[in-house]
All heavy atoms as atom14 arrays in JSON, in Angstrom:
{
  "sequence": "LKAGATIPFDRAWAIENGPGRFDPDAPKHLPKIAFLMLMR",
  "atom14_mask": [
    [1, 1, 1, 1, 1, 1, 1, 1, 0, 0, 0, 0, 0, 0],
    [1, 1, 1, 1, 1, 1, 1, 1, 1, 0, 0, 0, 0, 0],
    [1, 1, 1, 1, 1, 0, 0, 0, 0, 0, 0, 0, 0, 0],
    [1, 1, 1, 1, 0, 0, 0, 0, 0, 0, 0, 0, 0, 0],
    [1, 1, 1, 1, 1, 0, 0, 0, 0, 0, 0, 0, 0, 0],
    [1, 1, 1, 1, 1, 1, 1, 0, 0, 0, 0, 0, 0, 0],
    [1, 1, 1, 1, 1, 1, 1, 1, 0, 0, 0, 0, 0, 0],
    [1, 1, 1, 1, 1, 1, 1, 0, 0, 0, 0, 0, 0, 0],
    [1, 1, 1, 1, 1, 1, 1, 1, 1, 1, 1, 0, 0, 0],
    [1, 1, 1, 1, 1, 1, 1, 1, 0, 0, 0, 0, 0, 0],
    [1, 1, 1, 1, 1, 1, 1, 1, 1, 1, 1, 0, 0, 0],
    [1, 1, 1, 1, 1, 0, 0, 0, 0, 0, 0, 0, 0, 0],
    [1, 1, 1, 1, 1, 1, 1, 1, 1, 1, 1, 1, 1, 1],
    [1, 1, 1, 1, 1, 0, 0, 0, 0, 0, 0, 0, 0, 0],
    [1, 1, 1, 1, 1, 1, 1, 1, 0, 0, 0, 0, 0, 0],
    [1, 1, 1, 1, 1, 1, 1, 1, 1, 0, 0, 0, 0, 0],
    [1, 1, 1, 1, 1, 1, 1, 1, 0, 0, 0, 0, 0, 0],
    [1, 1, 1, 1, 0, 0, 0, 0, 0, 0, 0, 0, 0, 0],
    [1, 1, 1, 1, 1, 1, 1, 0, 0, 0, 0, 0, 0, 0],
    [1, 1, 1, 1, 0, 0, 0, 0, 0, 0, 0, 0, 0, 0],
    [1, 1, 1, 1, 1, 1, 1, 1, 1, 1, 1, 0, 0, 0],
    [1, 1, 1, 1, 1, 1, 1, 1, 1, 1, 1, 0, 0, 0],
    [1, 1, 1, 1, 1, 1, 1, 1, 0, 0, 0, 0, 0, 0],
    [1, 1, 1, 1, 1, 1, 1, 0, 0, 0, 0, 0, 0, 0],
    [1, 1, 1, 1, 1, 1, 1, 1, 0, 0, 0, 0, 0, 0],
    [1, 1, 1, 1, 1, 0, 0, 0, 0, 0, 0, 0, 0, 0],
    [1, 1, 1, 1, 1, 1, 1, 0, 0, 0, 0, 0, 0, 0],
    [1, 1, 1, 1, 1, 1, 1, 1, 1, 0, 0, 0, 0, 0],
    [1, 1, 1, 1, 1, 1, 1, 1, 1, 1, 0, 0, 0, 0],
    [1, 1, 1, 1, 1, 1, 1, 1, 0, 0, 0, 0, 0, 0],
    [1, 1, 1, 1, 1, 1, 1, 0, 0, 0, 0, 0, 0, 0],
    [1, 1, 1, 1, 1, 1, 1, 1, 1, 0, 0, 0, 0, 0],
    [1, 1, 1, 1, 1, 1, 1, 1, 0, 0, 0, 0, 0, 0],
    [1, 1, 1, 1, 1, 0, 0, 0, 0, 0, 0, 0, 0, 0],
    [1, 1, 1, 1, 1, 1, 1, 1, 1, 1, 1, 0, 0, 0],
    [1, 1, 1, 1, 1, 1, 1, 1, 0, 0, 0, 0, 0, 0],
    [1, 1, 1, 1, 1, 1, 1, 1, 0, 0, 0, 0, 0, 0],
    [1, 1, 1, 1, 1, 1, 1, 1, 0, 0, 0, 0, 0, 0],
    [1, 1, 1, 1, 1, 1, 1, 1, 0, 0, 0, 0, 0, 0],
    [1, 1, 1, 1, 1, 1, 1, 1, 1, 1, 1, 0, 0, 0]
  ],
  "atom14_positions": [
    [[0.83, -1.2, 0.0], [0.0, 0.0, 0.0], [0.87, 1.25, 0.0], [1.92, 1.3, 0.63], [-0.9, 0.02, 1.24], [-1.87, -1.15, 1.39], [-2.61, -1.05, 2.71], [-2.85, -1.19, 0.23], [0.0, 0.0, 0.0], [0.0, 0.0, 0.0], [0.0, 0.0, 0.0], [0.0, 0.0, 0.0], [0.0, 0.0, 0.0], [0.0, 0.0, 0.0]],
    [[0.39, 2.28, -0.71], [1.03, 3.58, -0.7], [0.19, 4.55, 0.13], [-1.03, 4.42, 0.2], [1.17, 4.12, -2.13], [2.1, 3.31, -3.01], [2.2, 3.92, -4.4], [3.14, 3.13, -5.29], [3.22, 3.7, -6.66], [0.0, 0.0, 0.0], [0.0, 0.0, 0.0], [0.0, 0.0, 0.0], [0.0, 0.0, 0.0], [0.0, 0.0, 0.0]],
    [[0.85, 5.52, 0.75], [0.13, 6.52, 1.54], [-0.84, 7.3, 0.66], [-0.5, 7.69, -0.47], [1.11, 7.47, 2.22], [0.0, 0.0, 0.0], [0.0, 0.0, 0.0], [0.0, 0.0, 0.0], [0.0, 0.0, 0.0], [0.0, 0.0, 0.0], [0.0, 0.0, 0.0], [0.0, 0.0, 0.0], [0.0, 0.0, 0.0], [0.0, 0.0, 0.0]],
    [[-2.04, 7.49, 1.16], [-3.04, 8.28, 0.44], [-3.63, 7.61, -0.77], [-4.3, 8.27, -1.58], [0.0, 0.0, 0.0], [0.0, 0.0, 0.0], [0.0, 0.0, 0.0], [0.0, 0.0, 0.0], [0.0, 0.0, 0.0], [0.0, 0.0, 0.0], [0.0, 0.0, 0.0], [0.0, 0.0, 0.0], [0.0, 0.0, 0.0], [0.0, 0.0, 0.0]],
    [[-3.44, 6.29, -0.9], [-3.94, 5.57, -2.08], [-4.81, 4.4, -1.66], [-4.79, 3.95, -0.5], [-2.78, 5.08, -2.94], [0.0, 0.0, 0.0], [0.0, 0.0, 0.0], [0.0, 0.0, 0.0], [0.0, 0.0, 0.0], [0.0, 0.0, 0.0], [0.0, 0.0, 0.0], [0.0, 0.0, 0.0], [0.0, 0.0, 0.0], [0.0, 0.0, 0.0]],
    [[-5.57, 3.88, -2.6], [-6.35, 2.68, -2.38], [-5.46, 1.46, -2.56], [-4.29, 1.57, -2.93], [-7.51, 2.58, -3.38], [-6.96, 2.46, -4.7], [-8.4, 3.81, -3.32], [0.0, 0.0, 0.0], [0.0, 0.0, 0.0], [0.0, 0.0, 0.0], [0.0, 0.0, 0.0], [0.0, 0.0, 0.0], [0.0, 0.0, 0.0], [0.0, 0.0, 0.0]],
    [[-6.0, 0.27, -2.33], [-5.32, -0.95, -2.78], [-5.14, -0.83, -4.29], [-6.06, -0.42, -5.0], [-6.16, -2.19, -2.41], [-6.05, -2.46, -0.9], [-5.73, -3.4, -3.21], [-6.85, -3.65, -0.42], [0.0, 0.0, 0.0], [0.0, 0.0, 0.0], [0.0, 0.0, 0.0], [0.0, 0.0, 0.0], [0.0, 0.0, 0.0], [0.0, 0.0, 0.0]],
    [[-3.96, -1.12, -4.82], [-3.74, -0.98, -6.26], [-4.82, -1.68, -7.09], [-5.18, -2.83, -6.81], [-2.37, -1.62, -6.47], [-1.67, -1.42, -5.16], [-2.73, -1.59, -4.12], [0.0, 0.0, 0.0], [0.0, 0.0, 0.0], [0.0, 0.0, 0.0], [0.0, 0.0, 0.0], [0.0, 0.0, 0.0], [0.0, 0.0, 0.0], [0.0, 0.0, 0.0]],
    [[-5.34, -0.94, -8.08], [-6.37, -1.41, -9.0], [-7.74, -1.6, -8.35], [-8.64, -2.18, -8.97], [-5.94, -2.72, -9.71], [-4.77, -2.55, -10.62], [-3.52, -3.03, -10.26], [-4.9, -1.91, -11.84], [-2.43, -2.89, -11.1], [-3.81, -1.75, -12.68], [-2.57, -2.24, -12.31], [0.0, 0.0, 0.0], [0.0, 0.0, 0.0], [0.0, 0.0, 0.0]],
    [[-7.93, -1.12, -7.12], [-9.25, -1.24, -6.52], [-10.19, -0.21, -7.14], [-9.94, 0.99, -7.05], [-9.17, -1.04, -5.0], [-10.51, -1.3, -4.33], [-11.12, -2.34, -4.62], [-10.94, -0.45, -3.52], [0.0, 0.0, 0.0], [0.0, 0.0, 0.0], [0.0, 0.0, 0.0], [0.0, 0.0, 0.0], [0.0, 0.0, 0.0], [0.0, 0.0, 0.0]],
    [[-11.24, -0.69, -7.79], [-12.23, 0.16, -8.44], [-11.56, 1.15, -9.41], [-11.92, 2.32, -9.48], [-13.08, 0.89, -7.4], [-13.91, -0.09, -6.53], [-14.48, 0.6, -5.31], [-15.38, -0.25, -4.55], [-14.99, -1.06, -3.56], [-13.7, -1.14, -3.24], [-15.86, -1.79, -2.9], [0.0, 0.0, 0.0], [0.0, 0.0, 0.0], [0.0, 0.0, 0.0]],
    [[-10.57, 0.64, -10.12], [-9.84, 1.47, -11.08], [-10.65, 1.72, -12.34], [-10.35, 2.65, -13.09], [-8.5, 0.82, -11.43], [0.0, 0.0, 0.0], [0.0, 0.0, 0.0], [0.0, 0.0, 0.0], [0.0, 0.0, 0.0], [0.0, 0.0, 0.0], [0.0, 0.0, 0.0], [0.0, 0.0, 0.0], [0.0, 0.0, 0.0], [0.0, 0.0, 0.0]],
    [[-11.66, 0.89, -12.58], [-12.56, 1.06, -13.72], [-14.0, 1.05, -13.23], [-14.31, 0.48, -12.18], [-12.37, -0.06, -14.74], [-11.07, -0.02, -15.46], [-10.8, 0.61, -16.65], [-9.83, -0.65, -15.08], [-9.48, 0.44, -17.0], [-8.87, -0.34, -16.06], [-9.45, -1.43, -13.99], [-7.56, -0.79, -15.99], [-8.15, -1.88, -13.91], [-7.22, -1.56, -14.91]],
    [[-14.86, 1.69, -14.01], [-16.29, 1.65, -13.76], [-17.0, 1.59, -15.1], [-16.42, 1.9, -16.15], [-16.76, 2.87, -12.96], [0.0, 0.0, 0.0], [0.0, 0.0, 0.0], [0.0, 0.0, 0.0], [0.0, 0.0, 0.0], [0.0, 0.0, 0.0], [0.0, 0.0, 0.0], [0.0, 0.0, 0.0], [0.0, 0.0, 0.0], [0.0, 0.0, 0.0]],
    [[-18.27, 1.19, -15.08], [-19.05, 1.06, -16.31], [-20.11, 2.16, -16.32], [-21.07, 2.1, -15.56], [-19.72, -0.32, -16.42], [-18.7, -1.45, -16.21], [-20.41, -0.46, -17.78], [-19.33, -2.8, -15.95], [0.0, 0.0, 0.0], [0.0, 0.0, 0.0], [0.0, 0.0, 0.0], [0.0, 0.0, 0.0], [0.0, 0.0, 0.0], [0.0, 0.0, 0.0]],
    [[-19.9, 3.17, -17.17], [-20.9, 4.22, -17.3], [-22.18, 3.63, -17.88], [-22.15, 2.86, -18.84], [-20.4, 5.34, -18.2], [-19.46, 6.3, -17.5], [-19.18, 7.54, -18.34], [-19.11, 7.43, -19.57], [-19.01, 8.61, -17.73], [0.0, 0.0, 0.0], [0.0, 0.0, 0.0], [0.0, 0.0, 0.0], [0.0, 0.0, 0.0], [0.0, 0.0, 0.0]],
    [[-23.31, 4.04, -17.3], [-24.61, 3.57, -17.76], [-25.15, 4.57, -18.77], [-25.89, 5.49, -18.43], [-25.56, 3.42, -16.57], [-26.87, 2.77, -16.98], [-27.12, 2.55, -18.15], [-27.71, 2.49, -16.0], [0.0, 0.0, 0.0], [0.0, 0.0, 0.0], [0.0, 0.0, 0.0], [0.0, 0.0, 0.0], [0.0, 0.0, 0.0], [0.0, 0.0, 0.0]],
    [[-24.75, 4.41, -20.02], [-25.13, 5.38, -21.04], [-24.23, 6.6, -20.98], [-23.23, 6.62, -20.26], [0.0, 0.0, 0.0], [0.0, 0.0, 0.0], [0.0, 0.0, 0.0], [0.0, 0.0, 0.0], [0.0, 0.0, 0.0], [0.0, 0.0, 0.0], [0.0, 0.0, 0.0], [0.0, 0.0, 0.0], [0.0, 0.0, 0.0], [0.0, 0.0, 0.0]],
    [[-24.58, 7.64, -21.73], [-23.75, 8.86, -21.76], [-23.51, 9.39, -20.36], [-24.45, 9.55, -19.58], [-24.59, 9.83, -22.59], [-25.46, 8.96, -23.44], [-25.76, 7.75, -22.6], [0.0, 0.0, 0.0], [0.0, 0.0, 0.0], [0.0, 0.0, 0.0], [0.0, 0.0, 0.0], [0.0, 0.0, 0.0], [0.0, 0.0, 0.0], [0.0, 0.0, 0.0]],
    [[-22.22, 9.63, -20.03], [-21.89, 10.01, -18.66], [-21.1, 11.3, -18.57], [-20.73, 11.9, -19.57], [0.0, 0.0, 0.0], [0.0, 0.0, 0.0], [0.0, 0.0, 0.0], [0.0, 0.0, 0.0], [0.0, 0.0, 0.0], [0.0, 0.0, 0.0], [0.0, 0.0, 0.0], [0.0, 0.0, 0.0], [0.0, 0.0, 0.0], [0.0, 0.0, 0.0]],
    [[-20.83, 11.68, -17.33], [-20.14, 12.95, -17.05], [-18.68, 12.75, -16.69], [-17.98, 13.71, -16.4], [-20.84, 13.67, -15.89], [-22.25, 14.12, -16.2], [-22.86, 14.84, -14.99], [-23.15, 13.91, -13.91], [-22.99, 14.18, -12.62], [-22.48, 15.34, -12.24], [-23.31, 13.3, -11.7], [0.0, 0.0, 0.0], [0.0, 0.0, 0.0], [0.0, 0.0, 0.0]],
    [[-18.2, 11.49, -16.68], [-16.82, 11.27, -16.25], [-15.86, 11.71, -17.33], [-15.96, 11.3, -18.49], [-16.58, 9.8, -15.9], [-15.2, 9.56, -15.37], [-14.87, 9.92, -14.08], [-14.22, 8.99, -16.17], [-13.58, 9.72, -13.58], [-12.94, 8.78, -15.69], [-12.63, 9.15, -14.39], [0.0, 0.0, 0.0], [0.0, 0.0, 0.0], [0.0, 0.0, 0.0]],
    [[-14.91, 12.57, -16.94], [-13.89, 13.08, -17.86], [-12.53, 12.54, -17.43], [-12.0, 12.95, -16.4], [-13.89, 14.61, -17.83], [-12.87, 15.22, -18.8], [-12.11, 14.46, -19.43], [-12.83, 16.46, -18.9], [0.0, 0.0, 0.0], [0.0, 0.0, 0.0], [0.0, 0.0, 0.0], [0.0, 0.0, 0.0], [0.0, 0.0, 0.0], [0.0, 0.0, 0.0]],
    [[-11.94, 11.61, -18.19], [-10.65, 11.04, -17.79], [-9.52, 12.05, -17.73], [-8.51, 11.83, -17.06], [-10.39, 9.96, -18.85], [-11.25, 10.34, -20.01], [-12.43, 11.03, -19.45], [0.0, 0.0, 0.0], [0.0, 0.0, 0.0], [0.0, 0.0, 0.0], [0.0, 0.0, 0.0], [0.0, 0.0, 0.0], [0.0, 0.0, 0.0], [0.0, 0.0, 0.0]],
    [[-9.68, 13.18, -18.42], [-8.65, 14.21, -18.38], [-8.79, 15.13, -17.16], [-7.85, 15.86, -16.82], [-8.7, 15.06, -19.66], [-8.35, 14.25, -20.89], [-7.45, 13.39, -20.79], [-8.99, 14.44, -21.94], [0.0, 0.0, 0.0], [0.0, 0.0, 0.0], [0.0, 0.0, 0.0], [0.0, 0.0, 0.0], [0.0, 0.0, 0.0], [0.0, 0.0, 0.0]],
    [[-9.96, 15.11, -16.54], [-10.2, 15.88, -15.32], [-11.1, 15.07, -14.41], [-12.28, 15.39, -14.18], [-10.86, 17.22, -15.66], [0.0, 0.0, 0.0], [0.0, 0.0, 0.0], [0.0, 0.0, 0.0], [0.0, 0.0, 0.0], [0.0, 0.0, 0.0], [0.0, 0.0, 0.0], [0.0, 0.0, 0.0], [0.0, 0.0, 0.0], [0.0, 0.0, 0.0]],
    [[-10.58, 13.95, -13.89], [-11.42, 13.01, -13.13], [-11.92, 13.61, -11.82], [-11.16, 14.23, -11.08], [-10.5, 11.82, -12.88], [-9.11, 12.37, -12.98], [-9.17, 13.48, -13.98], [0.0, 0.0, 0.0], [0.0, 0.0, 0.0], [0.0, 0.0, 0.0], [0.0, 0.0, 0.0], [0.0, 0.0, 0.0], [0.0, 0.0, 0.0], [0.0, 0.0, 0.0]],
    [[-13.19, 13.42, -11.57], [-13.82, 13.86, -10.32], [-14.7, 12.73, -9.78], [-15.19, 11.9, -10.55], [-14.66, 15.11, -10.55], [-13.87, 16.35, -10.95], [-14.81, 17.54, -11.15], [-14.03, 18.79, -11.57], [-14.93, 19.95, -11.8], [0.0, 0.0, 0.0], [0.0, 0.0, 0.0], [0.0, 0.0, 0.0], [0.0, 0.0, 0.0], [0.0, 0.0, 0.0]],
    [[-14.88, 12.76, -8.46], [-15.77, 11.78, -7.86], [-17.2, 12.05, -8.3], [-17.68, 13.19, -8.26], [-15.68, 11.85, -6.33], [-16.58, 10.88, -5.64], [-17.81, 11.23, -5.12], [-16.45, 9.55, -5.41], [-18.38, 10.17, -4.59], [-17.59, 9.15, -4.75], [0.0, 0.0, 0.0], [0.0, 0.0, 0.0], [0.0, 0.0, 0.0], [0.0, 0.0, 0.0]],
    [[-17.87, 11.0, -8.75], [-19.27, 11.1, -9.18], [-20.12, 10.15, -8.36], [-19.63, 9.11, -7.88], [-19.4, 10.74, -10.66], [-18.74, 11.7, -11.66], [-18.84, 11.11, -13.07], [-19.39, 13.07, -11.62], [0.0, 0.0, 0.0], [0.0, 0.0, 0.0], [0.0, 0.0, 0.0], [0.0, 0.0, 0.0], [0.0, 0.0, 0.0], [0.0, 0.0, 0.0]],
    [[-21.41, 10.45, -8.18], [-22.28, 9.51, -7.44], [-22.37, 8.18, -8.17], [-22.3, 8.12, -9.4], [-23.62, 10.24, -7.41], [-23.56, 11.24, -8.51], [-22.14, 11.65, -8.63], [0.0, 0.0, 0.0], [0.0, 0.0, 0.0], [0.0, 0.0, 0.0], [0.0, 0.0, 0.0], [0.0, 0.0, 0.0], [0.0, 0.0, 0.0], [0.0, 0.0, 0.0]],
    [[-22.55, 7.12, -7.39], [-22.52, 5.78, -7.99], [-23.66, 5.55, -8.97], [-23.57, 4.65, -9.82], [-22.54, 4.72, -6.88], [-23.71, 4.79, -5.94], [-23.5, 3.83, -4.8], [-24.54, 3.98, -3.71], [-24.25, 3.09, -2.56], [0.0, 0.0, 0.0], [0.0, 0.0, 0.0], [0.0, 0.0, 0.0], [0.0, 0.0, 0.0], [0.0, 0.0, 0.0]],
    [[-24.72, 6.36, -8.92], [-25.83, 6.17, -9.86], [-25.41, 6.47, -11.29], [-26.13, 6.14, -12.23], [-27.04, 7.04, -9.48], [-26.66, 8.52, -9.43], [-27.64, 6.59, -8.16], [-27.87, 9.44, -9.27], [0.0, 0.0, 0.0], [0.0, 0.0, 0.0], [0.0, 0.0, 0.0], [0.0, 0.0, 0.0], [0.0, 0.0, 0.0], [0.0, 0.0, 0.0]],
    [[-24.24, 7.09, -11.49], [-23.73, 7.33, -12.85], [-23.24, 6.05, -13.51], [-23.02, 6.03, -14.72], [-22.61, 8.37, -12.8], [0.0, 0.0, 0.0], [0.0, 0.0, 0.0], [0.0, 0.0, 0.0], [0.0, 0.0, 0.0], [0.0, 0.0, 0.0], [0.0, 0.0, 0.0], [0.0, 0.0, 0.0], [0.0, 0.0, 0.0], [0.0, 0.0, 0.0]],
    [[-23.07, 5.0, -12.71], [-22.45, 3.78, -13.2], [-23.35, 2.57, -12.93], [-24.26, 2.62, -12.11], [-21.1, 3.57, -12.5], [-20.21, 4.79, -12.54], [-20.08, 5.61, -11.43], [-19.53, 5.12, -13.7], [-19.28, 6.73, -11.46], [-18.72, 6.25, -13.75], [-18.6, 7.06, -12.63], [0.0, 0.0, 0.0], [0.0, 0.0, 0.0], [0.0, 0.0, 0.0]],
    [[-23.07, 1.47, -13.61], [-23.7, 0.22, -13.24], [-23.19, -0.17, -11.86], [-21.99, -0.15, -11.6], [-23.37, -0.88, -14.26], [-24.01, -0.74, -15.64], [-23.54, -1.87, -16.55], [-25.53, -0.71, -15.57], [0.0, 0.0, 0.0], [0.0, 0.0, 0.0], [0.0, 0.0, 0.0], [0.0, 0.0, 0.0], [0.0, 0.0, 0.0], [0.0, 0.0, 0.0]],
    [[-24.11, -0.55, -10.98], [-23.7, -0.87, -9.6], [-24.76, -1.76, -8.95], [-25.93, -1.76, -9.35], [-23.43, 0.41, -8.78], [-24.41, 1.53, -9.02], [-25.91, 1.39, -8.04], [-26.87, 2.78, -8.65], [0.0, 0.0, 0.0], [0.0, 0.0, 0.0], [0.0, 0.0, 0.0], [0.0, 0.0, 0.0], [0.0, 0.0, 0.0], [0.0, 0.0, 0.0]],
    [[-24.34, -2.46, -7.91], [-25.18, -3.49, -7.3], [-26.41, -2.93, -6.6], [-27.41, -3.63, -6.45], [-24.35, -4.31, -6.3], [-23.35, -5.29, -6.94], [-22.43, -5.85, -5.87], [-24.06, -6.41, -7.67], [0.0, 0.0, 0.0], [0.0, 0.0, 0.0], [0.0, 0.0, 0.0], [0.0, 0.0, 0.0], [0.0, 0.0, 0.0], [0.0, 0.0, 0.0]],
    [[-26.36, -1.68, -6.15], [-27.52, -1.11, -5.46], [-28.78, -1.21, -6.32], [-29.86, -1.48, -5.85], [-27.25, 0.35, -5.08], [-28.37, 0.98, -4.26], [-28.02, 2.69, -3.81], [-28.44, 3.53, -5.35], [0.0, 0.0, 0.0], [0.0, 0.0, 0.0], [0.0, 0.0, 0.0], [0.0, 0.0, 0.0], [0.0, 0.0, 0.0], [0.0, 0.0, 0.0]],
    [[-28.58, -1.04, -7.63], [-29.72, -1.05, -8.55], [-29.66, -2.22, -9.53], [-30.69, -2.67, -10.04], [-29.73, 0.26, -9.33], [-30.92, 0.45, -10.27], [-30.84, 1.81, -10.93], [-29.53, 1.99, -11.58], [-29.0, 3.2, -11.85], [-29.65, 4.29, -11.52], [-27.84, 3.28, -12.45], [0.0, 0.0, 0.0], [0.0, 0.0, 0.0], [0.0, 0.0, 0.0]]
  ]
}
């Protein structure tokens, strides 16, 4: 583990559910409803 980091490769990818707001050039935390996820 590195300081200030997650376990390497933990949730390093997500599946956008249709057109999304995630910008890989300016990544920001987005609510999980933007992605396919187990809650739904």
